[in-house]
Amino acid sequence: MEDHFRKAELVAIIERPGMEIRLKALVSFLYLTGARVSEVVKVVRKYQIELNNINGVPFLIVNDVPIEKRRIKMSRNIPINIQREKPFVDVLLKYISLLNDEDILFDIKRSRAFQLVQKATGKGPHFLRHSRLTALAVDYGFDSFDLQRFTGWASNKTAESYIHKNFSDIANKMT
């Protein structure tokens, strides 16, 4: 059994008929940002999200996402490549279009978010974080320092547990 979701598995989850748009957006947002539930619910507001072009590539930027589990308060800006993450970004933008600028994206308790994600995916929200960080390592070629910067970790040593290279991943790098 895999220790993370593959992108196709998550796309199938968010494309399920009958699933509420807010839940699709929550799953997408947690995956895309690699954020902890506590960094997202009752925190991120619509105005923190912007569209931008970086080197001619369209990005969705989530600004000032708090970093939990740090001794000093810090935040990070999270870039999301719109073209490479289209199914997730489309769901998120559809949901965001329903909100006012000052609205909190997910105005629910952390425990409720956990329940919703567990019901939708069969896994807890941290599994989405793990899946995203693994995808960044495997699909985007992030190294431990890139993951440290993306997550806001104090040390890149934490990133080692998120970098899962199997035989085919290693062989593909050599071709």
C-alpha atoms as a PDB file:
ATOM      1  CA  MET A   1       0.000   0.000   0.000  1.00  0.00           C
ATOM      2  CA  GLU A   2       1.251   3.457  -0.919  1.00  0.00           C
ATOM      3  CA  ASP A   3       2.231   5.910   1.796  1.00  0.00           C
ATOM      4  CA  HIS A   4       0.914   8.831  -0.236  1.00  0.00           C
ATOM      5  CA  PHE A   5      -1.770   9.612  -2.809  1.00  0.00           C
ATOM      6  CA  ARG A   6      -0.813   9.750  -6.446  1.00  0.00           C
ATOM      7  CA  LYS A   7      -2.098  12.844  -8.218  1.00  0.00           C
ATOM      8  CA  ALA A   8      -4.576  10.803 -10.316  1.00  0.00           C
ATOM      9  CA  GLU A   9      -6.114   9.363  -7.134  1.00  0.00           C
ATOM     10  CA  LEU A  10      -6.718  12.837  -5.724  1.00  0.00           C
ATOM     11  CA  VAL A  11      -8.152  14.086  -9.009  1.00  0.00           C
ATOM     12  CA  ALA A  12     -10.612  11.170  -8.929  1.00  0.00           C
ATOM     13  CA  ILE A  13     -11.612  12.156  -5.378  1.00  0.00           C
ATOM     14  CA  ILE A  14     -12.279  15.824  -6.193  1.00  0.00           C
ATOM     15  CA  GLU A  15     -14.152  14.890  -9.384  1.00  0.00           C
ATOM     16  CA  ARG A  16     -16.601  12.610  -7.573  1.00  0.00           C
ATOM     17  CA  PRO A  17     -20.174  13.563  -8.419  1.00  0.00           C
ATOM     18  CA  GLY A  18     -22.224  14.861  -5.522  1.00  0.00           C
ATOM     19  CA  MET A  19     -19.268  16.018  -3.426  1.00  0.00           C
ATOM     20  CA  GLU A  20     -19.799  19.505  -2.007  1.00  0.00           C
ATOM     21  CA  ILE A  21     -17.646  22.212  -3.644  1.00  0.00           C
ATOM     22  CA  ARG A  22     -16.298  23.390  -0.277  1.00  0.00           C
ATOM     23  CA  LEU A  23     -15.008  19.893   0.501  1.00  0.00           C
ATOM     24  CA  LYS A  24     -13.455  19.554  -2.960  1.00  0.00           C
ATOM     25  CA  ALA A  25     -11.785  22.920  -2.425  1.00  0.00           C
ATOM     26  CA  LEU A  26     -10.577  21.967   1.064  1.00  0.00           C
ATOM     27  CA  VAL A  27      -8.978  18.753  -0.210  1.00  0.00           C
ATOM     28  CA  SER A  28      -7.459  20.658  -3.145  1.00  0.00           C
ATOM     29  CA  PHE A  29      -6.168  23.490  -0.964  1.00  0.00           C
ATOM     30  CA  LEU A  30      -4.609  21.198   1.629  1.00  0.00           C
ATOM     31  CA  TYR A  31      -2.939  19.204  -1.122  1.00  0.00           C
ATOM     32  CA  LEU A  32      -1.715  22.185  -3.172  1.00  0.00           C
ATOM     33  CA  THR A  33      -0.309  24.091  -0.221  1.00  0.00           C
ATOM     34  CA  GLY A  34       1.008  21.137   1.762  1.00  0.00           C
ATOM     35  CA  ALA A  35      -0.283  23.068   4.758  1.00  0.00           C
ATOM     36  CA  ARG A  36      -1.437  21.654   8.057  1.00  0.00           C
ATOM     37  CA  VAL A  37      -5.166  21.927   8.775  1.00  0.00           C
ATOM     38  CA  SER A  38      -4.394  24.332  11.614  1.00  0.00           C
ATOM     39  CA  GLU A  39      -2.596  26.607   9.130  1.00  0.00           C
ATOM     40  CA  VAL A  40      -5.652  26.756   6.890  1.00  0.00           C
ATOM     41  CA  VAL A  41      -8.987  26.616   8.731  1.00  0.00           C
ATOM     42  CA  LYS A  42     -10.216  29.853  10.250  1.00  0.00           C
ATOM     43  CA  VAL A  43      -7.027  31.530   9.005  1.00  0.00           C
ATOM     44  CA  VAL A  44      -6.653  32.022   5.249  1.00  0.00           C
ATOM     45  CA  ARG A  45      -8.877  34.664   3.676  1.00  0.00           C
ATOM     46  CA  LYS A  46      -9.840  35.114   0.045  1.00  0.00           C
ATOM     47  CA  TYR A  47      -7.798  38.310  -0.353  1.00  0.00           C
ATOM     48  CA  GLN A  48      -4.622  36.335   0.419  1.00  0.00           C
ATOM     49  CA  ILE A  49      -4.912  34.530  -2.909  1.00  0.00           C
ATOM     50  CA  GLU A  50      -3.698  36.143  -6.101  1.00  0.00           C
ATOM     51  CA  LEU A  51      -2.992  35.194  -9.685  1.00  0.00           C
ATOM     52  CA  ASN A  52       0.424  36.088 -11.039  1.00  0.00           C
ATOM     53  CA  ASN A  53       2.791  35.259 -13.890  1.00  0.00           C
ATOM     54  CA  ILE A  54       6.305  34.154 -13.012  1.00  0.00           C
ATOM     55  CA  ASN A  55       8.638  33.846 -15.999  1.00  0.00           C
ATOM     56  CA  GLY A  56       5.588  33.689 -18.263  1.00  0.00           C
ATOM     57  CA  VAL A  57       3.994  30.825 -16.310  1.00  0.00           C
ATOM     58  CA  PRO A  58       0.647  31.426 -14.576  1.00  0.00           C
ATOM     59  CA  PHE A  59       0.721  30.876 -10.827  1.00  0.00           C
ATOM     60  CA  LEU A  60      -1.774  31.015  -8.018  1.00  0.00           C
ATOM     61  CA  ILE A  61      -0.026  32.510  -4.991  1.00  0.00           C
ATOM     62  CA  VAL A  62      -1.335  31.980  -1.474  1.00  0.00           C
ATOM     63  CA  ASN A  63       0.161  34.758   0.647  1.00  0.00           C
ATOM     64  CA  ASP A  64       0.937  34.848   4.357  1.00  0.00           C
ATOM     65  CA  VAL A  65       0.057  31.270   5.276  1.00  0.00           C
ATOM     66  CA  PRO A  66       1.060  30.860   8.928  1.00  0.00           C
ATOM     67  CA  ILE A  67       3.704  28.305   9.822  1.00  0.00           C
ATOM     68  CA  GLU A  68       2.664  26.287  12.845  1.00  0.00           C
ATOM     69  CA  LYS A  69       5.049  24.442  15.144  1.00  0.00           C
ATOM     70  CA  ARG A  70       7.635  27.232  15.056  1.00  0.00           C
ATOM     71  CA  ARG A  71       8.696  29.057  18.204  1.00  0.00           C
ATOM     72  CA  ILE A  72       8.386  32.437  16.530  1.00  0.00           C
ATOM     73  CA  LYS A  73       5.412  33.442  14.410  1.00  0.00           C
ATOM     74  CA  MET A  74       6.203  33.178  10.738  1.00  0.00           C
ATOM     75  CA  SER A  75       4.319  32.907   7.487  1.00  0.00           C
ATOM     76  CA  ARG A  76       5.081  31.858   3.952  1.00  0.00           C
ATOM     77  CA  ASN A  77       3.891  32.548   0.431  1.00  0.00           C
ATOM     78  CA  ILE A  78       3.032  29.421  -1.527  1.00  0.00           C
ATOM     79  CA  PRO A  79       3.306  29.371  -5.333  1.00  0.00           C
ATOM     80  CA  ILE A  80       1.101  26.927  -7.241  1.00  0.00           C
ATOM     81  CA  ASN A  81       1.704  26.267 -10.928  1.00  0.00           C
ATOM     82  CA  ILE A  82      -1.750  26.599 -12.483  1.00  0.00           C
ATOM     83  CA  GLN A  83      -0.977  24.581 -15.615  1.00  0.00           C
ATOM     84  CA  ARG A  84       0.540  21.631 -13.762  1.00  0.00           C
ATOM     85  CA  GLU A  85      -2.133  21.566 -11.050  1.00  0.00           C
ATOM     86  CA  LYS A  86      -5.141  22.496 -13.192  1.00  0.00           C
ATOM     87  CA  PRO A  87      -7.818  20.137 -11.774  1.00  0.00           C
ATOM     88  CA  PHE A  88      -7.109  21.293  -8.211  1.00  0.00           C
ATOM     89  CA  VAL A  89      -6.763  24.962  -9.111  1.00  0.00           C
ATOM     90  CA  ASP A  90     -10.013  24.904 -11.118  1.00  0.00           C
ATOM     91  CA  VAL A  91     -11.950  23.549  -8.121  1.00  0.00           C
ATOM     92  CA  LEU A  92     -10.328  26.055  -5.799  1.00  0.00           C
ATOM     93  CA  LEU A  93     -11.008  29.037  -8.076  1.00  0.00           C
ATOM     94  CA  LYS A  94     -14.636  27.963  -8.541  1.00  0.00           C
ATOM     95  CA  TYR A  95     -15.067  27.834  -4.765  1.00  0.00           C
ATOM     96  CA  ILE A  96     -13.242  31.124  -4.191  1.00  0.00           C
ATOM     97  CA  SER A  97     -15.489  32.875  -6.719  1.00  0.00           C
ATOM     98  CA  LEU A  98     -18.392  32.234  -4.327  1.00  0.00           C
ATOM     99  CA  LEU A  99     -16.694  34.155  -1.485  1.00  0.00           C
ATOM    100  CA  ASN A 100     -16.242  37.810  -0.583  1.00  0.00           C
ATOM    101  CA  ASP A 101     -12.699  39.209  -0.277  1.00  0.00           C
ATOM    102  CA  GLU A 102     -12.737  39.239   3.532  1.00  0.00           C
ATOM    103  CA  ASP A 103     -14.241  35.760   3.860  1.00  0.00           C
ATOM    104  CA  ILE A 104     -12.231  33.028   5.524  1.00  0.00           C
ATOM    105  CA  LEU A 105     -11.838  30.233   2.982  1.00  0.00           C
ATOM    106  CA  PHE A 106     -12.687  27.447   5.377  1.00  0.00           C
ATOM    107  CA  ASP A 107     -14.534  28.814   8.381  1.00  0.00           C
ATOM    108  CA  ILE A 108     -14.777  25.497  10.202  1.00  0.00           C
ATOM    109  CA  LYS A 109     -13.062  23.988  13.217  1.00  0.00           C
ATOM    110  CA  ARG A 110      -9.911  21.973  12.765  1.00  0.00           C
ATOM    111  CA  SER A 111     -11.632  18.852  14.063  1.00  0.00           C
ATOM    112  CA  ARG A 112     -14.459  19.258  11.540  1.00  0.00           C
ATOM    113  CA  ALA A 113     -11.981  19.722   8.690  1.00  0.00           C
ATOM    114  CA  PHE A 114     -10.244  16.538   9.801  1.00  0.00           C
ATOM    115  CA  GLN A 115     -13.566  14.636   9.762  1.00  0.00           C
ATOM    116  CA  LEU A 116     -14.514  15.955   6.322  1.00  0.00           C
ATOM    117  CA  VAL A 117     -11.161  15.118   4.758  1.00  0.00           C
ATOM    118  CA  GLN A 118     -11.133  11.687   6.409  1.00  0.00           C
ATOM    119  CA  LYS A 119     -14.595  10.929   5.012  1.00  0.00           C
ATOM    120  CA  ALA A 120     -13.754  12.172   1.508  1.00  0.00           C
ATOM    121  CA  THR A 121     -10.321  10.571   1.142  1.00  0.00           C
ATOM    122  CA  GLY A 122     -10.225   7.731   3.641  1.00  0.00           C
ATOM    123  CA  LYS A 123      -7.104   9.339   5.110  1.00  0.00           C
ATOM    124  CA  GLY A 124      -6.372  12.203   7.475  1.00  0.00           C
ATOM    125  CA  PRO A 125      -5.356  15.662   6.259  1.00  0.00           C
ATOM    126  CA  HIS A 126      -1.693  15.083   7.068  1.00  0.00           C
ATOM    127  CA  PHE A 127      -1.711  12.372   4.385  1.00  0.00           C
ATOM    128  CA  LEU A 128      -2.502  15.144   1.869  1.00  0.00           C
ATOM    129  CA  ARG A 129       0.501  17.126   3.156  1.00  0.00           C
ATOM    130  CA  HIS A 130       2.704  14.069   2.872  1.00  0.00           C
ATOM    131  CA  SER A 131       1.352  13.377  -0.627  1.00  0.00           C
ATOM    132  CA  ARG A 132       2.054  16.927  -1.785  1.00  0.00           C
ATOM    133  CA  LEU A 133       5.563  17.043  -0.405  1.00  0.00           C
ATOM    134  CA  THR A 134       6.324  13.666  -1.953  1.00  0.00           C
ATOM    135  CA  ALA A 135       4.926  14.907  -5.296  1.00  0.00           C
ATOM    136  CA  LEU A 136       7.071  18.033  -5.088  1.00  0.00           C
ATOM    137  CA  ALA A 137      10.123  15.837  -4.601  1.00  0.00           C
ATOM    138  CA  VAL A 138       9.277  13.280  -7.274  1.00  0.00           C
ATOM    139  CA  ASP A 139       7.364  15.295  -9.904  1.00  0.00           C
ATOM    140  CA  TYR A 140       8.975  18.708  -9.506  1.00  0.00           C
ATOM    141  CA  GLY A 141      12.436  17.553  -8.453  1.00  0.00           C
ATOM    142  CA  PHE A 142      12.436  19.404  -5.112  1.00  0.00           C
ATOM    143  CA  ASP A 143      15.368  18.567  -2.899  1.00  0.00           C
ATOM    144  CA  SER A 144      15.371  18.780   0.890  1.00  0.00           C
ATOM    145  CA  PHE A 145      16.269  22.488   0.823  1.00  0.00           C
ATOM    146  CA  ASP A 146      13.405  23.264  -1.597  1.00  0.00           C
ATOM    147  CA  LEU A 147      10.972  21.406   0.666  1.00  0.00           C
ATOM    148  CA  GLN A 148      12.298  23.284   3.680  1.00  0.00           C
ATOM    149  CA  ARG A 149      11.645  26.596   1.949  1.00  0.00           C
ATOM    150  CA  PHE A 150       8.189  25.499   0.709  1.00  0.00           C
ATOM    151  CA  THR A 151       7.046  24.360   4.162  1.00  0.00           C
ATOM    152  CA  GLY A 152       8.878  26.840   6.351  1.00  0.00           C
ATOM    153  CA  TRP A 153      10.615  24.145   8.369  1.00  0.00           C
ATOM    154  CA  ALA A 154      13.483  25.268  10.579  1.00  0.00           C
ATOM    155  CA  SER A 155      15.669  22.425   9.268  1.00  0.00           C
ATOM    156  CA  ASN A 156      15.871  20.528   6.000  1.00  0.00           C
ATOM    157  CA  LYS A 157      16.371  17.277   7.933  1.00  0.00           C
ATOM    158  CA  THR A 158      12.586  16.929   8.248  1.00  0.00           C
ATOM    159  CA  ALA A 159      12.361  16.831   4.455  1.00  0.00           C
ATOM    160  CA  GLU A 160      14.244  13.551   4.246  1.00  0.00           C
ATOM    161  CA  SER A 161      11.171  11.608   5.371  1.00  0.00           C
ATOM    162  CA  TYR A 162       9.133  13.149   2.530  1.00  0.00           C
ATOM    163  CA  ILE A 163      11.533  12.267  -0.229  1.00  0.00           C
ATOM    164  CA  HIS A 164      10.622   8.770  -1.388  1.00  0.00           C
ATOM    165  CA  LYS A 165      12.598   7.575  -4.337  1.00  0.00           C
ATOM    166  CA  ASN A 166      11.796   4.163  -5.668  1.00  0.00           C
ATOM    167  CA  PHE A 167      13.834   2.304  -8.254  1.00  0.00           C
ATOM    168  CA  SER A 168      11.974   3.742 -11.260  1.00  0.00           C
ATOM    169  CA  ASP A 169      12.299   7.314  -9.907  1.00  0.00           C
ATOM    170  CA  ILE A 170      16.056   6.869  -9.644  1.00  0.00           C
ATOM    171  CA  ALA A 171      16.300   5.202 -13.057  1.00  0.00           C
ATOM    172  CA  ASN A 172      14.259   8.017 -14.650  1.00  0.00           C
ATOM    173  CA  LYS A 173      16.714  10.604 -13.321  1.00  0.00           C
ATOM    174  CA  MET A 174      19.512   8.701 -15.059  1.00  0.00           C
ATOM    175  CA  THR A 175      17.871   8.690 -18.491  1.00  0.00           C
END
